[in-house]
């Protein structure tokens, strides 16, 4: 190959890897960061020793140790591209050994395939590292001068790598990357980092009309105590944006996310169940994120022994150890004086039976405002005005309506008034403002387009989400 052709190949390869890095860093960064959600690495001798009891120990050990740093912005793309370069160089040597005319360019073909696979969040970094190991071992074997010994070594390599390849491929679940899914992952991570202003802004836009984005938008409102105030200011897939149901076939990512609204509403039993399922159905049944969620739930339940066990595990990680050690210090100094959040009546509830659970929390908890708002909004998004009126009268009226009643509730209440009772008395009793009454009159006169964010508009035109 001429010197000019060689320089052209190097320029092409350089541009290729710059392009791959740009795609990873700017188009799909959260596809890569999600790998951290499905992983757990503890700096403990017994934990590390466990890697050597299964195939591909070095690949998984190195991959899991590096994956925990994916939470640091920009690190995931750099690490994966660095290993892709190493992989490309290995294939280049292999292709050159077989007399390929343009080994540098030819080596890009398998690298493209591996790069695409690595975009799947459930594909561990160990798969890429293991592939690099295998390719470079093959390169080393092909340099053995004696052919019989070389062929024997290659055969031995294949036999030895079969269990490792099987283990690595079993851990890899390939998904189709997409911008909508990237947006879901992005809002999820903003929520994990407590960047709730960003979550609310993303939810207000929601260009893909995603249920996950609506879900986290609603959580951002509920955290501020403004769920009814902002509910219809963004896309709502009817009641599906309030909770993520746990059912067969649901993605592991959604199982993990389903914990957040349940925890916020005070439904710690179902939140714990979701977190355990998220852990169970993660690619290798391990997740630092779910351990963190379970420790929060244990704190809220007053189960400090369980919380301590989870915190001790997280204290052996790289990026959660500071948070975990602060939690352990709090337990050591304040455990006897910590207020238990879960003071509602215990009842048996089937999973995904949000209405029964929320009604119980709203009625019996000392801090049931969030659960009450979730219940009332669930009634409204389900267009069940009769149930809404009953829940409002029993759980909201006289407790949370001392100030201004949210406009959403006022609009819905107007639709439930009794024709046999005095309209003026009902308006006064439920705190309906003159503005809301005038808007209702205008709406009924046919000026519907002036009130696209009203409950009347939603009730008339909203269709069930598919």
Protein backbone atom coordinates (compact mmCIF):
# COMPACT_ATOMS: atom_id res chain seq x y z
CA UNK A 1 0.00 0.00 0.00
CA UNK A 2 1.42 3.42 -0.96
CA UNK A 3 2.24 6.12 1.59
CA UNK A 4 -0.49 8.35 0.15
CA UNK A 5 -3.09 5.59 0.47
CA UNK A 6 -1.93 4.92 4.02
CA UNK A 7 -2.37 8.58 5.00
CA UNK A 8 -5.82 8.63 3.42
CA UNK A 9 -6.80 5.55 5.42
CA UNK A 10 -5.58 7.10 8.67
CA UNK A 11 -7.55 10.29 7.97
CA UNK A 12 -10.67 8.27 7.20
CA UNK A 13 -10.27 6.19 10.37
CA UNK A 14 -9.69 9.32 12.47
CA UNK A 15 -12.79 10.99 11.07
CA UNK A 16 -14.77 7.79 11.70
CA UNK A 17 -13.88 7.66 15.39
CA UNK A 18 -14.49 11.38 15.83
CA UNK A 19 -17.93 10.84 14.28
CA UNK A 20 -18.63 7.85 16.54
CA UNK A 21 -17.61 9.86 19.59
CA UNK A 22 -19.87 12.75 18.49
CA UNK A 23 -22.84 10.40 18.03
CA UNK A 24 -22.27 8.83 21.43
CA UNK A 25 -21.64 12.13 23.19
CA UNK A 26 -24.32 14.33 21.63
CA UNK A 27 -27.00 12.10 20.06
CA UNK A 28 -27.22 9.13 22.45
CA UNK A 29 -25.31 9.95 25.67
CA UNK A 30 -28.08 8.65 27.93
CA UNK A 31 -28.22 5.32 26.12
CA UNK A 32 -24.67 4.83 27.39
CA UNK A 33 -25.22 6.26 30.88
CA UNK A 34 -28.14 3.86 31.38
CA UNK A 35 -25.59 1.05 31.58
CA UNK A 36 -24.71 2.35 35.04
CA UNK A 37 -28.33 1.86 36.14
CA UNK A 38 -28.02 -1.87 35.44
CA UNK A 39 -24.71 -2.39 37.18
CA UNK A 40 -23.12 -2.63 40.60
CA UNK A 41 -19.46 -2.83 41.57
CA UNK A 42 -18.34 -3.10 45.19
CA UNK A 43 -14.75 -2.58 46.24
CA UNK A 44 -14.78 -5.67 48.48
CA UNK A 45 -12.65 -8.80 48.31
CA UNK A 46 -15.59 -11.20 48.43
CA UNK A 47 -17.40 -9.29 45.69
CA UNK A 48 -14.34 -9.28 43.42
CA UNK A 49 -13.68 -12.96 44.11
CA UNK A 50 -17.17 -13.73 42.84
CA UNK A 51 -16.16 -12.67 39.34
CA UNK A 52 -13.69 -15.54 39.14
CA UNK A 53 -16.41 -18.10 39.77
CA UNK A 54 -18.00 -17.37 36.37
CA UNK A 55 -16.79 -17.17 32.75
CA UNK A 56 -15.09 -14.01 31.41
CA UNK A 57 -14.03 -12.79 34.88
CA UNK A 58 -11.53 -10.18 33.70
CA UNK A 59 -13.94 -8.71 31.16
CA UNK A 60 -16.76 -8.35 33.66
CA UNK A 61 -14.43 -7.13 36.41
CA UNK A 62 -12.89 -4.41 34.24
CA UNK A 63 -16.22 -3.52 32.63
CA UNK A 64 -18.15 -3.19 35.88
CA UNK A 65 -15.39 -1.16 37.52
CA UNK A 66 -15.36 1.31 34.61
CA UNK A 67 -19.14 1.44 34.20
CA UNK A 68 -19.66 2.98 37.62
CA UNK A 69 -17.91 6.12 36.34
CA UNK A 70 -20.40 6.53 33.48
CA UNK A 71 -22.37 8.92 35.70
CA UNK A 72 -19.60 11.49 35.20
CA UNK A 73 -20.58 13.60 32.14
CA UNK A 74 -18.66 12.67 29.02
CA UNK A 75 -16.87 9.67 30.50
CA UNK A 76 -19.05 6.96 28.92
CA UNK A 77 -18.43 8.08 25.33
CA UNK A 78 -14.68 8.47 25.90
CA UNK A 79 -14.27 5.03 27.48
CA UNK A 80 -16.30 3.20 24.84
CA UNK A 81 -14.59 4.97 21.94
CA UNK A 82 -11.18 4.23 23.47
CA UNK A 83 -11.98 0.51 23.53
CA UNK A 84 -13.37 0.71 20.00
CA UNK A 85 -10.03 2.14 18.86
CA UNK A 86 -8.23 -0.74 20.58
CA UNK A 87 -10.63 -3.18 18.91
CA UNK A 88 -10.09 -1.57 15.50
CA UNK A 89 -6.31 -1.82 15.87
CA UNK A 90 -6.64 -5.49 16.73
CA UNK A 91 -8.80 -6.19 13.68
CA UNK A 92 -6.37 -4.18 11.54
CA UNK A 93 -3.54 -6.47 12.57
CA UNK A 94 -5.71 -9.51 11.93
CA UNK A 95 -6.71 -8.35 8.47
CA UNK A 96 -3.10 -7.49 7.64
CA UNK A 97 -2.05 -10.99 8.74
CA UNK A 98 -4.44 -12.42 6.14
CA UNK A 99 -3.14 -10.12 3.42
CA UNK A 100 -6.03 -7.66 3.20
CA UNK A 101 -5.37 -4.81 0.78
CA UNK A 102 -6.76 -2.06 3.03
CA UNK A 103 -6.69 -3.52 6.55
CA UNK A 104 -7.25 -0.16 8.28
CA UNK A 105 -10.50 0.47 6.41
CA UNK A 106 -11.63 -3.14 6.44
CA UNK A 107 -11.24 -3.24 10.23
CA UNK A 108 -13.90 -0.55 10.54
CA UNK A 109 -16.66 -2.93 9.46
CA UNK A 110 -16.73 -5.11 12.61
CA UNK A 111 -16.15 -2.00 14.73
CA UNK A 112 -19.30 -0.41 13.29
CA UNK A 113 -21.31 -3.47 14.28
CA UNK A 114 -19.89 -3.50 17.82
CA UNK A 115 -20.46 0.26 18.21
CA UNK A 116 -24.12 -0.17 17.24
CA UNK A 117 -24.51 -3.01 19.75
CA UNK A 118 -22.93 -0.90 22.51
CA UNK A 119 -25.68 1.70 22.14
CA UNK A 120 -28.07 -0.75 23.81
CA UNK A 121 -28.21 0.17 27.52
CA UNK A 122 -28.51 -3.47 28.63
CA UNK A 123 -25.34 -4.52 26.76
CA UNK A 124 -22.52 -4.43 29.35
CA UNK A 125 -19.17 -2.82 28.72
CA UNK A 126 -17.72 -6.26 29.42
CA UNK A 127 -18.86 -7.40 25.96
CA UNK A 128 -16.67 -4.79 24.27
CA UNK A 129 -13.71 -5.47 26.57
CA UNK A 130 -14.04 -9.22 26.07
CA UNK A 131 -14.10 -8.78 22.30
CA UNK A 132 -10.91 -6.71 22.52
CA UNK A 133 -9.24 -9.45 24.60
CA UNK A 134 -10.25 -12.13 22.11
CA UNK A 135 -9.08 -10.21 19.04
CA UNK A 136 -5.70 -9.32 20.51
CA UNK A 137 -5.16 -12.87 21.71
CA UNK A 138 -5.81 -14.01 18.14
CA UNK A 139 -3.30 -11.43 16.88
CA UNK A 140 -0.69 -12.74 19.29
CA UNK A 141 -1.32 -16.36 18.31
CA UNK A 142 -1.04 -15.58 14.59
CA UNK A 143 2.48 -14.31 15.20
CA UNK A 144 3.63 -17.73 16.37
CA UNK A 145 6.11 -18.78 13.67
CA UNK A 146 5.43 -22.53 13.68
CA UNK A 147 2.17 -23.36 11.91
CA UNK A 148 1.25 -26.52 13.89
CA UNK A 149 1.71 -24.68 17.16
CA UNK A 150 -0.19 -21.69 15.79
CA UNK A 151 -3.20 -23.79 14.71
CA UNK A 152 -3.18 -25.65 18.01
CA UNK A 153 -3.19 -22.37 19.93
CA UNK A 154 -6.06 -21.01 17.81
CA UNK A 155 -8.10 -24.15 18.44
CA UNK A 156 -7.40 -23.89 22.17
CA UNK A 157 -8.42 -20.21 22.11
CA UNK A 158 -11.75 -21.03 20.48
CA UNK A 159 -12.47 -23.76 23.01
CA UNK A 160 -11.54 -21.55 25.94
CA UNK A 161 -13.55 -18.57 24.68
CA UNK A 162 -16.81 -20.45 24.10
CA UNK A 163 -17.98 -20.24 27.78
CA UNK A 164 -16.90 -16.59 27.99
CA UNK A 165 -18.64 -15.69 24.74
CA UNK A 166 -21.80 -17.45 25.89
CA UNK A 167 -21.73 -15.58 29.20
CA UNK A 168 -21.10 -12.21 27.57
CA UNK A 169 -23.78 -12.69 24.93
CA UNK A 170 -26.32 -13.88 27.51
CA UNK A 171 -25.80 -10.66 29.47
CA UNK A 172 -26.32 -8.57 26.32
CA UNK A 173 -29.88 -7.59 25.41
CA UNK A 174 -29.80 -5.61 22.18
CA UNK A 175 -32.37 -2.84 21.72
CA UNK A 176 -33.04 -0.51 18.82
CA UNK A 177 -31.66 2.92 19.73
CA UNK A 178 -33.93 5.89 19.08
CA UNK A 179 -34.28 9.58 19.82
CA UNK A 180 -37.58 9.10 21.67
CA UNK A 181 -36.00 6.53 23.96
CA UNK A 182 -32.99 8.81 24.41
CA UNK A 183 -35.36 11.56 25.52
CA UNK A 184 -36.95 9.18 28.03
CA UNK A 185 -33.54 8.26 29.42
CA UNK A 186 -32.56 11.92 29.60
CA UNK A 187 -35.54 13.01 31.68
CA UNK A 188 -35.07 9.95 33.89
CA UNK A 189 -31.47 10.91 34.63
CA UNK A 190 -32.35 14.53 35.27
CA UNK A 191 -34.81 13.23 37.84
CA UNK A 192 -32.16 10.93 39.36
CA UNK A 193 -29.86 13.95 39.73
CA UNK A 194 -32.67 16.03 41.32
CA UNK A 195 -32.61 18.51 38.45
CA UNK A 196 -36.35 19.02 38.66
CA UNK A 197 -36.43 22.37 36.87
CA UNK A 198 -35.01 20.66 33.78
CA UNK A 199 -37.49 17.81 34.20
CA UNK A 200 -40.42 20.23 34.26
CA UNK A 201 -39.20 22.07 31.16
CA UNK A 202 -38.67 18.82 29.28
CA UNK A 203 -42.11 17.61 30.31
CA UNK A 204 -43.77 20.81 29.17
CA UNK A 205 -42.31 20.32 25.67
CA UNK A 206 -42.54 16.52 25.33
CA UNK A 207 -42.02 16.48 21.53
CA UNK A 208 -42.59 12.71 21.22
CA UNK A 209 -45.70 12.69 23.46
CA UNK A 210 -43.96 10.13 25.64
CA UNK A 211 -45.68 8.55 28.61
CA UNK A 212 -42.38 8.46 30.52
CA UNK A 213 -41.83 12.19 29.97
CA UNK A 214 -45.39 12.97 31.11
CA UNK A 215 -44.82 10.76 34.14
CA UNK A 216 -41.73 12.65 35.27
CA UNK A 217 -43.32 16.00 34.45
CA UNK A 218 -46.14 15.12 36.83
CA UNK A 219 -43.66 14.08 39.51
CA UNK A 220 -41.86 17.41 39.17
CA UNK A 221 -45.16 19.21 39.77
CA UNK A 222 -46.16 16.98 42.68
CA UNK A 223 -42.82 17.58 44.40
CA UNK A 224 -43.72 21.29 44.51
CA UNK A 225 -47.29 20.58 45.60
CA UNK A 226 -48.57 21.89 42.25
CA UNK A 227 -49.79 18.76 40.48
CA UNK A 228 -53.33 20.06 39.76
CA UNK A 229 -52.06 23.54 38.84
CA UNK A 230 -49.81 22.31 36.00
CA UNK A 231 -51.39 18.99 35.05
CA UNK A 232 -53.08 20.10 31.81
CA UNK A 233 -50.36 22.53 30.75
CA UNK A 234 -48.53 19.64 29.09
CA UNK A 235 -49.40 16.47 27.19
CA UNK A 236 -51.26 13.94 29.32
CA UNK A 237 -51.81 10.37 28.00
CA UNK A 238 -54.94 10.25 30.18
CA UNK A 239 -54.20 8.61 33.55
CA UNK A 240 -51.21 6.65 32.18
CA UNK A 241 -48.88 9.56 32.94
CA UNK A 242 -49.44 9.37 36.70
CA UNK A 243 -48.06 5.88 37.40
CA UNK A 244 -46.14 3.30 35.41
CA UNK A 245 -47.87 -0.07 35.86
CA UNK A 246 -45.85 -3.19 36.60
CA UNK A 247 -46.92 -6.00 34.31
CA UNK A 248 -45.41 -8.82 32.24
CA UNK A 249 -43.28 -7.59 29.37
CA UNK A 250 -42.64 -4.10 30.71
CA UNK A 251 -39.08 -2.90 30.11
CA UNK A 252 -36.65 -3.01 33.03
CA UNK A 253 -36.09 0.73 32.67
CA UNK A 254 -39.78 1.36 33.28
CA UNK A 255 -39.79 -0.98 36.25
CA UNK A 256 -37.06 1.12 37.80
CA UNK A 257 -38.82 4.37 36.98
CA UNK A 258 -42.15 3.15 38.38
CA UNK A 259 -40.71 3.41 41.89
CA UNK A 260 -40.45 7.21 41.88
CA UNK A 261 -44.12 8.28 41.81
CA UNK A 262 -45.10 5.58 44.30
CA UNK A 263 -42.42 6.70 46.73
CA UNK A 264 -43.41 10.36 46.37
CA UNK A 265 -47.08 9.57 46.98
CA UNK A 266 -46.18 7.61 50.13
CA UNK A 267 -47.04 4.16 48.78
CA UNK A 268 -43.87 2.56 50.11
CA UNK A 269 -45.08 -1.04 49.83
CA UNK A 270 -45.66 -0.83 46.09
CA UNK A 271 -42.53 1.31 45.66
CA UNK A 272 -40.46 -1.39 47.35
CA UNK A 273 -42.05 -4.06 45.16
CA UNK A 274 -41.21 -2.08 42.01
CA UNK A 275 -37.63 -1.53 43.14
CA UNK A 276 -37.18 -5.23 43.84
CA UNK A 277 -38.59 -6.11 40.42
CA UNK A 278 -36.30 -3.54 38.82
CA UNK A 279 -33.37 -5.27 40.49
CA UNK A 280 -34.60 -8.76 39.57
CA UNK A 281 -35.16 -8.02 35.89
CA UNK A 282 -32.01 -5.99 35.34
CA UNK A 283 -29.61 -7.85 33.00
CA UNK A 284 -27.59 -9.43 35.83
CA UNK A 285 -29.93 -8.86 38.78
CA UNK A 286 -27.81 -6.06 40.23
CA UNK A 287 -28.33 -2.32 40.28
CA UNK A 288 -26.79 0.36 42.48
CA UNK A 289 -29.70 2.64 41.57
CA UNK A 290 -32.28 0.18 42.94
CA UNK A 291 -30.24 -0.39 46.10
CA UNK A 292 -30.28 3.36 46.64
CA UNK A 293 -34.05 3.43 46.11
CA UNK A 294 -34.54 0.53 48.52
CA UNK A 295 -32.47 2.30 51.18
CA UNK A 296 -34.66 5.42 50.82
CA UNK A 297 -37.79 3.31 51.18
CA UNK A 298 -36.38 1.55 54.25
CA UNK A 299 -35.67 4.94 55.81
CA UNK A 300 -39.23 6.09 55.14
CA UNK A 301 -40.62 2.90 56.70
CA UNK A 302 -38.41 3.22 59.76
CA UNK A 303 -36.66 -0.06 58.90
CA UNK A 304 -33.24 1.23 59.82
CA UNK A 305 -31.52 -2.17 60.00
CA UNK A 306 -32.40 -2.82 56.35
CA UNK A 307 -31.40 0.72 55.40
CA UNK A 308 -28.04 0.19 57.09
CA UNK A 309 -27.37 -2.99 55.09
CA UNK A 310 -28.06 -1.21 51.81
CA UNK A 311 -25.99 1.80 52.81
CA UNK A 312 -23.03 -0.39 53.74
CA UNK A 313 -23.13 -1.89 50.26
CA UNK A 314 -23.26 1.53 48.60
CA UNK A 315 -20.39 2.77 50.78
CA UNK A 316 -18.18 0.33 48.84
CA UNK A 317 -19.01 1.95 45.47
CA UNK A 318 -17.08 4.77 43.81
CA UNK A 319 -19.77 7.42 43.27
CA UNK A 320 -22.39 6.58 45.91
CA UNK A 321 -20.04 6.15 48.88
CA UNK A 322 -20.23 9.77 50.09
CA UNK A 323 -24.02 9.70 50.07
CA UNK A 324 -24.06 6.28 51.76
CA UNK A 325 -21.62 7.30 54.48
CA UNK A 326 -23.69 10.37 55.26
CA UNK A 327 -26.71 8.08 55.64
CA UNK A 328 -24.79 5.73 57.94
CA UNK A 329 -23.63 8.67 60.05
CA UNK A 330 -27.24 9.85 60.32
CA UNK A 331 -28.30 6.40 61.52
CA UNK A 332 -25.51 6.30 64.07
CA UNK A 333 -26.41 9.69 65.55
CA UNK A 334 -30.13 10.24 64.92
CA UNK A 335 -31.78 6.84 64.41
CA UNK A 336 -33.86 7.12 67.57
CA UNK A 337 -35.12 10.59 66.67
CA UNK A 338 -35.86 10.21 62.96
CA UNK A 339 -39.48 10.76 61.98
CA UNK A 340 -41.10 7.81 60.22
CA UNK A 341 -42.86 8.96 57.05
CA UNK A 342 -45.05 5.88 56.81
CA UNK A 343 -47.73 6.45 59.44
CA UNK A 344 -50.79 5.47 57.39
CA UNK A 345 -52.99 2.45 58.10
CA UNK A 346 -51.70 -0.85 56.74
CA UNK A 347 -53.99 -2.56 54.25
CA UNK A 348 -53.62 -5.29 51.65
CA UNK A 349 -53.52 -3.90 48.13
CA UNK A 350 -52.90 -5.62 44.83
CA UNK A 351 -50.05 -4.20 42.81
CA UNK A 352 -51.16 -1.46 40.37
CA UNK A 353 -54.29 -0.82 42.46
CA UNK A 354 -53.38 2.83 42.84
CA UNK A 355 -56.84 4.11 43.68
CA UNK A 356 -57.28 1.94 46.79
CA UNK A 357 -53.77 2.63 48.04
CA UNK A 358 -53.93 6.40 47.45
CA UNK A 359 -57.34 6.65 49.13
CA UNK A 360 -55.96 4.85 52.20
CA UNK A 361 -52.88 7.10 52.39
CA UNK A 362 -54.94 10.24 51.86
CA UNK A 363 -57.40 9.26 54.60
CA UNK A 364 -55.02 7.93 57.26
CA UNK A 365 -51.61 9.55 56.77
CA UNK A 366 -50.65 12.71 58.64
CA UNK A 367 -49.04 13.99 55.43
CA UNK A 368 -51.41 12.81 52.71
CA UNK A 369 -51.62 15.93 50.51
CA UNK A 370 -49.55 14.47 47.67
CA UNK A 371 -51.51 11.21 47.71
CA UNK A 372 -54.77 13.18 47.72
CA UNK A 373 -53.74 15.24 44.69
CA UNK A 374 -52.63 12.12 42.85
CA UNK A 375 -55.96 10.44 43.61
CA UNK A 376 -58.04 13.42 42.48
CA UNK A 377 -55.98 13.84 39.31
CA UNK A 378 -56.34 10.13 38.64
CA UNK A 379 -60.11 10.52 38.87
CA UNK A 380 -60.09 13.50 36.54
CA UNK A 381 -57.78 12.02 33.90
CA UNK A 382 -59.95 8.91 33.98
CA UNK A 383 -62.99 11.21 33.46
CA UNK A 384 -64.67 9.71 36.52
CA UNK A 385 -66.40 12.83 37.84
CA UNK A 386 -68.64 10.95 40.27
CA UNK A 387 -65.62 9.38 41.97
CA UNK A 388 -63.80 12.72 41.89
CA UNK A 389 -66.64 14.47 43.72
CA UNK A 390 -66.77 11.75 46.36
CA UNK A 391 -62.99 11.80 46.90
CA UNK A 392 -62.94 15.60 46.95
CA UNK A 393 -65.69 15.80 49.55
CA UNK A 394 -64.20 13.11 51.80
CA UNK A 395 -60.48 13.77 51.45
CA UNK A 396 -59.85 17.31 50.23
CA UNK A 397 -62.70 19.55 51.32
CA UNK A 398 -62.18 20.98 54.78
CA UNK A 399 -58.50 19.93 54.86
CA UNK A 400 -56.70 21.44 51.89
CA UNK A 401 -59.19 23.97 50.49
CA UNK A 402 -58.60 26.71 53.06
CA UNK A 403 -56.74 28.77 50.47
CA UNK A 404 -57.48 29.11 46.77
CA UNK A 405 -58.79 25.89 45.26
CA UNK A 406 -56.75 24.83 42.19
CA UNK A 407 -58.47 25.94 38.98
CA UNK A 408 -58.46 22.36 37.68
CA UNK A 409 -60.54 21.26 40.66
CA UNK A 410 -62.85 24.25 40.32
CA UNK A 411 -63.51 23.46 36.66
CA UNK A 412 -64.28 19.83 37.44
CA UNK A 413 -66.46 20.68 40.43
CA UNK A 414 -68.67 22.89 38.25
CA UNK A 415 -69.46 19.78 36.22
CA UNK A 416 -70.64 17.91 39.34
CA UNK A 417 -72.99 20.46 40.89
CA UNK A 418 -76.42 19.27 41.97
CA UNK A 419 -79.21 20.82 39.94
CA UNK A 420 -81.56 20.64 42.92
CA UNK A 421 -79.31 22.79 45.16
CA UNK A 422 -78.73 26.51 45.03
CA UNK A 423 -75.97 27.33 42.50
CA UNK A 424 -74.86 30.31 44.59
CA UNK A 425 -74.54 28.18 47.73
CA UNK A 426 -72.53 25.54 45.87
CA UNK A 427 -70.22 28.14 44.32
CA UNK A 428 -69.53 29.56 47.76
CA UNK A 429 -69.15 26.19 49.47
CA UNK A 430 -66.55 25.00 46.96
CA UNK A 431 -64.68 28.25 46.51
CA UNK A 432 -65.40 28.64 42.80
CA UNK A 433 -64.00 31.95 41.58
CA UNK A 434 -65.87 34.39 39.40
CA UNK A 435 -63.21 33.99 36.70
CA UNK A 436 -63.73 30.23 36.53
CA UNK A 437 -67.47 30.67 36.32
CA UNK A 438 -67.15 33.23 33.52
CA UNK A 439 -64.73 30.98 31.62
CA UNK A 440 -67.19 28.12 31.91
CA UNK A 441 -69.93 30.29 30.46
CA UNK A 442 -67.71 31.26 27.52
CA UNK A 443 -66.78 27.63 26.94
CA UNK A 444 -70.43 26.60 26.82
CA UNK A 445 -71.15 29.37 24.35
CA UNK A 446 -68.85 27.70 21.85
CA UNK A 447 -65.57 29.48 22.53
CA UNK A 448 -63.82 26.21 23.33
CA UNK A 449 -60.55 27.01 21.56
CA UNK A 450 -59.89 29.80 24.04
CA UNK A 451 -59.52 27.22 26.83
CA UNK A 452 -57.32 24.39 25.49
CA UNK A 453 -55.82 23.76 28.94
CA UNK A 454 -59.14 23.63 30.75
CA UNK A 455 -60.60 20.45 32.20
CA UNK A 456 -63.74 21.01 30.14
CA UNK A 457 -61.68 20.82 26.94
CA UNK A 458 -59.86 17.70 28.20
CA UNK A 459 -63.08 16.00 29.25
CA UNK A 460 -64.69 16.61 25.88
CA UNK A 461 -61.83 15.76 23.54
CA UNK A 462 -59.20 13.60 25.26
CA UNK A 463 -58.95 10.04 23.96
CA UNK A 464 -57.41 7.04 25.74
CA UNK A 465 -53.67 6.66 25.13
CA UNK A 466 -52.70 3.69 22.98
